[in-house]
Amino acid sequence: MNFKITFFGVACLIFSTHSLASVNLNIVGAGVYSMSTGSPVPSSVLSLAGGGFLADFNAAGKAHLELGALYTTRITSISGANRTFTSAEGILGLRYNLTRALSVTGGFYGNYYLTRGLATTGIDFGASAGAGVMLPVASSMGILLDGRYHYALSQLTYQGGNFTPNEAQLYAGLSFGVSHK
């Protein structure tokens, strides 16, 4: 319930700003490569189902405040069995455009689990860093490829042990906005 209230508050903040002309909206598909650590040691697994949006607000010159909401699927293999987790992921960060096409990102993420592959307890949040390429195809549209590493600052616990849900994510999609000019 608190997640829905927070998400609604962020949406109101986005749409109440007077600088909507300086917003980029990125509609992306997401792939997740889980690289969890823990005991017993989980195996790395790739999952491709997911997507959502990232909104960049021009903060100062080449710096953009980034807010995002994604639906993602994570698969973690523990003791030889794949466990699927689905989550609503929130992103808060800073995107800095090095050039018109290249950018770096840093910030924080949090996951609200919709389904859990194990009877886990705990929350999933952490720091995020990455780099992206935006290929302009029109004056206010581009193709976005963005890679991120999520370093979990939390652990999930289950009856057989615990794990830290670190992961790499790849976003691919369309970007709409004024910074593509």
C-alpha atoms as a PDB file:
ATOM      1  CA  MET A   1       0.000   0.000   0.000  1.00  0.00           C
ATOM      2  CA  ASN A   2       2.801   2.469   0.882  1.00  0.00           C
ATOM      3  CA  PHE A   3       4.433   1.758  -2.481  1.00  0.00           C
ATOM      4  CA  LYS A   4       1.238   2.819  -4.292  1.00  0.00           C
ATOM      5  CA  ILE A   5       1.009   6.046  -2.282  1.00  0.00           C
ATOM      6  CA  THR A   6       4.689   6.848  -2.949  1.00  0.00           C
ATOM      7  CA  PHE A   7       4.316   6.090  -6.660  1.00  0.00           C
ATOM      8  CA  PHE A   8       1.218   8.330  -6.838  1.00  0.00           C
ATOM      9  CA  GLY A   9       3.107  11.135  -5.071  1.00  0.00           C
ATOM     10  CA  VAL A  10       6.028  10.901  -7.505  1.00  0.00           C
ATOM     11  CA  ALA A  11       3.602  10.914 -10.466  1.00  0.00           C
ATOM     12  CA  CYS A  12       1.914  14.069  -9.108  1.00  0.00           C
ATOM     13  CA  LEU A  13       5.314  15.719  -8.692  1.00  0.00           C
ATOM     14  CA  ILE A  14       6.260  14.853 -12.270  1.00  0.00           C
ATOM     15  CA  PHE A  15       3.066  16.194 -13.794  1.00  0.00           C
ATOM     16  CA  SER A  16       2.891  19.325 -11.622  1.00  0.00           C
ATOM     17  CA  THR A  17       6.296  20.629 -12.707  1.00  0.00           C
ATOM     18  CA  HIS A  18       6.328  23.697 -14.930  1.00  0.00           C
ATOM     19  CA  SER A  19       9.309  22.434 -16.963  1.00  0.00           C
ATOM     20  CA  LEU A  20       7.670  19.533 -18.790  1.00  0.00           C
ATOM     21  CA  ALA A  21       9.217  20.862 -22.008  1.00  0.00           C
ATOM     22  CA  SER A  22      12.640  19.763 -20.694  1.00  0.00           C
ATOM     23  CA  VAL A  23      11.610  16.166 -19.932  1.00  0.00           C
ATOM     24  CA  ASN A  24      12.758  13.073 -21.792  1.00  0.00           C
ATOM     25  CA  LEU A  25      10.504  10.037 -21.554  1.00  0.00           C
ATOM     26  CA  ASN A  26      12.163   6.683 -22.217  1.00  0.00           C
ATOM     27  CA  ILE A  27       9.947   3.645 -22.798  1.00  0.00           C
ATOM     28  CA  VAL A  28      12.102   0.554 -22.366  1.00  0.00           C
ATOM     29  CA  GLY A  29      12.169  -3.201 -22.243  1.00  0.00           C
ATOM     30  CA  ALA A  30      14.404  -4.648 -19.528  1.00  0.00           C
ATOM     31  CA  GLY A  31      16.574  -7.721 -19.199  1.00  0.00           C
ATOM     32  CA  VAL A  32      18.032  -8.769 -15.839  1.00  0.00           C
ATOM     33  CA  TYR A  33      21.150 -10.876 -15.224  1.00  0.00           C
ATOM     34  CA  SER A  34      21.032 -11.966 -11.574  1.00  0.00           C
ATOM     35  CA  MET A  35      24.440 -12.269  -9.923  1.00  0.00           C
ATOM     36  CA  SER A  36      23.359 -12.907  -6.347  1.00  0.00           C
ATOM     37  CA  THR A  37      25.780 -13.864  -3.602  1.00  0.00           C
ATOM     38  CA  GLY A  38      24.970 -15.755  -0.434  1.00  0.00           C
ATOM     39  CA  SER A  39      24.865 -19.079   1.332  1.00  0.00           C
ATOM     40  CA  PRO A  40      24.318 -21.499  -0.308  1.00  0.00           C
ATOM     41  CA  VAL A  41      25.928 -19.779  -3.302  1.00  0.00           C
ATOM     42  CA  PRO A  42      23.323 -18.926  -6.008  1.00  0.00           C
ATOM     43  CA  SER A  43      24.114 -19.348  -9.725  1.00  0.00           C
ATOM     44  CA  SER A  44      23.832 -16.470 -12.214  1.00  0.00           C
ATOM     45  CA  VAL A  45      20.758 -16.547 -14.487  1.00  0.00           C
ATOM     46  CA  LEU A  46      19.468 -14.277 -17.303  1.00  0.00           C
ATOM     47  CA  SER A  47      15.797 -13.261 -17.606  1.00  0.00           C
ATOM     48  CA  LEU A  48      14.370 -11.009 -20.317  1.00  0.00           C
ATOM     49  CA  ALA A  49      10.793 -10.254 -19.304  1.00  0.00           C
ATOM     50  CA  GLY A  50      10.262  -6.704 -18.111  1.00  0.00           C
ATOM     51  CA  GLY A  51       9.914  -3.064 -19.019  1.00  0.00           C
ATOM     52  CA  GLY A  52       8.675   0.344 -17.988  1.00  0.00           C
ATOM     53  CA  PHE A  53       9.636   3.980 -18.260  1.00  0.00           C
ATOM     54  CA  LEU A  54      12.414   6.343 -17.236  1.00  0.00           C
ATOM     55  CA  ALA A  55      11.812  10.101 -17.116  1.00  0.00           C
ATOM     56  CA  ASP A  56      14.754  12.519 -17.218  1.00  0.00           C
ATOM     57  CA  PHE A  57      14.209  16.078 -15.971  1.00  0.00           C
ATOM     58  CA  ASN A  58      16.798  18.642 -17.025  1.00  0.00           C
ATOM     59  CA  ALA A  59      18.389  19.738 -13.750  1.00  0.00           C
ATOM     60  CA  ALA A  60      21.330  21.840 -14.994  1.00  0.00           C
ATOM     61  CA  GLY A  61      22.890  21.741 -18.441  1.00  0.00           C
ATOM     62  CA  LYS A  62      23.959  18.171 -19.119  1.00  0.00           C
ATOM     63  CA  ALA A  63      22.730  16.840 -15.751  1.00  0.00           C
ATOM     64  CA  HIS A  64      19.273  15.245 -15.544  1.00  0.00           C
ATOM     65  CA  LEU A  65      17.281  13.993 -12.561  1.00  0.00           C
ATOM     66  CA  GLU A  66      16.021  10.516 -13.445  1.00  0.00           C
ATOM     67  CA  LEU A  67      12.870   8.871 -12.079  1.00  0.00           C
ATOM     68  CA  GLY A  68      11.813   5.451 -13.267  1.00  0.00           C
ATOM     69  CA  ALA A  69       9.274   2.713 -12.771  1.00  0.00           C
ATOM     70  CA  LEU A  70       9.826  -0.789 -14.156  1.00  0.00           C
ATOM     71  CA  TYR A  71       8.221  -4.208 -13.976  1.00  0.00           C
ATOM     72  CA  THR A  72      11.031  -6.753 -13.889  1.00  0.00           C
ATOM     73  CA  THR A  73      11.458 -10.507 -13.634  1.00  0.00           C
ATOM     74  CA  ARG A  74      14.482 -11.933 -11.849  1.00  0.00           C
ATOM     75  CA  ILE A  75      15.514 -15.568 -11.844  1.00  0.00           C
ATOM     76  CA  THR A  76      17.898 -16.783  -9.164  1.00  0.00           C
ATOM     77  CA  SER A  77      19.195 -20.359  -9.169  1.00  0.00           C
ATOM     78  CA  ILE A  78      19.696 -21.752  -5.677  1.00  0.00           C
ATOM     79  CA  SER A  79      20.754 -25.374  -5.099  1.00  0.00           C
ATOM     80  CA  GLY A  80      20.145 -26.127  -8.786  1.00  0.00           C
ATOM     81  CA  ALA A  81      16.543 -24.870  -8.844  1.00  0.00           C
ATOM     82  CA  ASN A  82      15.504 -21.643 -10.622  1.00  0.00           C
ATOM     83  CA  ARG A  83      13.450 -19.271  -8.468  1.00  0.00           C
ATOM     84  CA  THR A  84      11.477 -16.511 -10.225  1.00  0.00           C
ATOM     85  CA  PHE A  85      10.808 -13.151  -8.592  1.00  0.00           C
ATOM     86  CA  THR A  86       8.714 -10.374 -10.163  1.00  0.00           C
ATOM     87  CA  SER A  87       8.874  -6.845  -8.858  1.00  0.00           C
ATOM     88  CA  ALA A  88       7.879  -3.249  -9.326  1.00  0.00           C
ATOM     89  CA  GLU A  89      11.155  -1.330  -9.346  1.00  0.00           C
ATOM     90  CA  GLY A  90      11.601   2.346  -8.593  1.00  0.00           C
ATOM     91  CA  ILE A  91      14.663   4.318  -9.703  1.00  0.00           C
ATOM     92  CA  LEU A  92      15.955   7.687  -8.493  1.00  0.00           C
ATOM     93  CA  GLY A  93      19.191   8.914  -9.962  1.00  0.00           C
ATOM     94  CA  LEU A  94      21.243  11.362 -11.936  1.00  0.00           C
ATOM     95  CA  ARG A  95      22.022  11.034 -15.658  1.00  0.00           C
ATOM     96  CA  TYR A  96      24.922  13.076 -17.000  1.00  0.00           C
ATOM     97  CA  ASN A  97      25.197  13.448 -20.775  1.00  0.00           C
ATOM     98  CA  LEU A  98      28.849  13.255 -21.829  1.00  0.00           C
ATOM     99  CA  THR A  99      27.869  13.899 -25.462  1.00  0.00           C
ATOM    100  CA  ARG A 100      24.599  13.977 -27.387  1.00  0.00           C
ATOM    101  CA  ALA A 101      24.718  10.168 -27.605  1.00  0.00           C
ATOM    102  CA  LEU A 102      26.645   9.004 -24.493  1.00  0.00           C
ATOM    103  CA  SER A 103      25.623   9.283 -20.841  1.00  0.00           C
ATOM    104  CA  VAL A 104      26.503   7.903 -17.419  1.00  0.00           C
ATOM    105  CA  THR A 105      24.075   7.287 -14.561  1.00  0.00           C
ATOM    106  CA  GLY A 106      24.234   6.865 -10.819  1.00  0.00           C
ATOM    107  CA  GLY A 107      21.630   6.658  -8.107  1.00  0.00           C
ATOM    108  CA  PHE A 108      19.437   4.327  -6.090  1.00  0.00           C
ATOM    109  CA  TYR A 109      16.845   1.643  -6.726  1.00  0.00           C
ATOM    110  CA  GLY A 110      14.248  -0.216  -4.692  1.00  0.00           C
ATOM    111  CA  ASN A 111      12.159  -3.286  -5.471  1.00  0.00           C
ATOM    112  CA  TYR A 112       8.676  -4.104  -4.247  1.00  0.00           C
ATOM    113  CA  TYR A 113       8.212  -7.828  -4.843  1.00  0.00           C
ATOM    114  CA  LEU A 114       4.944  -8.835  -6.472  1.00  0.00           C
ATOM    115  CA  THR A 115       5.822 -12.554  -6.439  1.00  0.00           C
ATOM    116  CA  ARG A 116       8.684 -14.315  -4.692  1.00  0.00           C
ATOM    117  CA  GLY A 117      10.371 -17.507  -5.874  1.00  0.00           C
ATOM    118  CA  LEU A 118      11.121 -18.455  -2.274  1.00  0.00           C
ATOM    119  CA  ALA A 119       9.452 -17.624   1.003  1.00  0.00           C
ATOM    120  CA  THR A 120      11.918 -14.753   1.486  1.00  0.00           C
ATOM    121  CA  THR A 121      11.811 -11.953   3.985  1.00  0.00           C
ATOM    122  CA  GLY A 122      13.538  -8.605   3.717  1.00  0.00           C
ATOM    123  CA  ILE A 123      13.499  -5.732   1.283  1.00  0.00           C
ATOM    124  CA  ASP A 124      15.652  -5.138  -1.782  1.00  0.00           C
ATOM    125  CA  PHE A 125      17.310  -1.763  -2.322  1.00  0.00           C
ATOM    126  CA  GLY A 126      20.707  -0.469  -3.277  1.00  0.00           C
ATOM    127  CA  ALA A 127      22.957   1.709  -5.394  1.00  0.00           C
ATOM    128  CA  SER A 128      22.978   1.772  -9.184  1.00  0.00           C
ATOM    129  CA  ALA A 129      25.560   2.866 -11.767  1.00  0.00           C
ATOM    130  CA  GLY A 130      25.685   2.552 -15.519  1.00  0.00           C
ATOM    131  CA  ALA A 131      26.197   3.980 -18.966  1.00  0.00           C
ATOM    132  CA  GLY A 132      23.939   4.532 -21.945  1.00  0.00           C
ATOM    133  CA  VAL A 133      23.901   5.223 -25.645  1.00  0.00           C
ATOM    134  CA  MET A 134      21.078   7.211 -27.261  1.00  0.00           C
ATOM    135  CA  LEU A 135      21.036   7.129 -31.053  1.00  0.00           C
ATOM    136  CA  PRO A 136      18.956  10.039 -32.434  1.00  0.00           C
ATOM    137  CA  VAL A 137      16.559   9.056 -35.233  1.00  0.00           C
ATOM    138  CA  ALA A 138      14.571  12.335 -35.376  1.00  0.00           C
ATOM    139  CA  SER A 139      14.760  15.812 -33.816  1.00  0.00           C
ATOM    140  CA  SER A 140      13.044  14.667 -30.606  1.00  0.00           C
ATOM    141  CA  MET A 141      13.265  10.866 -30.722  1.00  0.00           C
ATOM    142  CA  GLY A 142      16.030   8.317 -30.268  1.00  0.00           C
ATOM    143  CA  ILE A 143      16.840   4.681 -29.609  1.00  0.00           C
ATOM    144  CA  LEU A 144      18.161   4.085 -26.089  1.00  0.00           C
ATOM    145  CA  LEU A 145      20.492   1.308 -24.919  1.00  0.00           C
ATOM    146  CA  ASP A 146      21.328   1.591 -21.244  1.00  0.00           C
ATOM    147  CA  GLY A 147      23.278  -0.819 -19.029  1.00  0.00           C
ATOM    148  CA  ARG A 148      23.211  -0.708 -15.238  1.00  0.00           C
ATOM    149  CA  TYR A 149      24.749  -2.576 -12.333  1.00  0.00           C
ATOM    150  CA  HIS A 150      22.647  -2.776  -9.172  1.00  0.00           C
ATOM    151  CA  TYR A 151      24.689  -3.254  -6.027  1.00  0.00           C
ATOM    152  CA  ALA A 152      22.287  -4.474  -3.341  1.00  0.00           C
ATOM    153  CA  LEU A 153      22.647  -2.932   0.105  1.00  0.00           C
ATOM    154  CA  SER A 154      20.223  -5.470   1.554  1.00  0.00           C
ATOM    155  CA  GLN A 155      19.818  -9.229   1.911  1.00  0.00           C
ATOM    156  CA  LEU A 156      16.842 -11.504   1.405  1.00  0.00           C
ATOM    157  CA  THR A 157      16.499 -14.345   3.910  1.00  0.00           C
ATOM    158  CA  TYR A 158      14.762 -17.678   3.413  1.00  0.00           C
ATOM    159  CA  GLN A 159      14.593 -20.953   5.333  1.00  0.00           C
ATOM    160  CA  GLY A 160      17.745 -22.404   3.696  1.00  0.00           C
ATOM    161  CA  GLY A 161      19.978 -19.325   3.970  1.00  0.00           C
ATOM    162  CA  ASN A 162      20.205 -15.796   2.589  1.00  0.00           C
ATOM    163  CA  PHE A 163      21.354 -13.962  -0.520  1.00  0.00           C
ATOM    164  CA  THR A 164      22.236 -10.477  -1.716  1.00  0.00           C
ATOM    165  CA  PRO A 165      20.362  -9.773  -4.985  1.00  0.00           C
ATOM    166  CA  ASN A 166      23.061  -7.993  -7.052  1.00  0.00           C
ATOM    167  CA  GLU A 167      22.305  -7.790 -10.768  1.00  0.00           C
ATOM    168  CA  ALA A 168      23.089  -6.266 -14.130  1.00  0.00           C
ATOM    169  CA  GLN A 169      20.254  -4.777 -16.175  1.00  0.00           C
ATOM    170  CA  LEU A 170      20.010  -3.810 -19.827  1.00  0.00           C
ATOM    171  CA  TYR A 171      17.323  -1.396 -21.018  1.00  0.00           C
ATOM    172  CA  ALA A 172      16.478  -0.981 -24.703  1.00  0.00           C
ATOM    173  CA  GLY A 173      13.739   1.229 -26.064  1.00  0.00           C
ATOM    174  CA  LEU A 174      12.588   4.540 -27.451  1.00  0.00           C
ATOM    175  CA  SER A 175      13.415   7.931 -26.027  1.00  0.00           C
ATOM    176  CA  PHE A 176      11.237  11.014 -26.592  1.00  0.00           C
ATOM    177  CA  GLY A 177      12.201  14.546 -25.600  1.00  0.00           C
ATOM    178  CA  VAL A 178      14.093  17.731 -26.222  1.00  0.00           C
ATOM    179  CA  SER A 179      17.668  16.619 -25.437  1.00  0.00           C
ATOM    180  CA  HIS A 180      17.814  14.660 -28.698  1.00  0.00           C
ATOM    181  CA  LYS A 181      18.072  17.863 -30.755  1.00  0.00           C
END
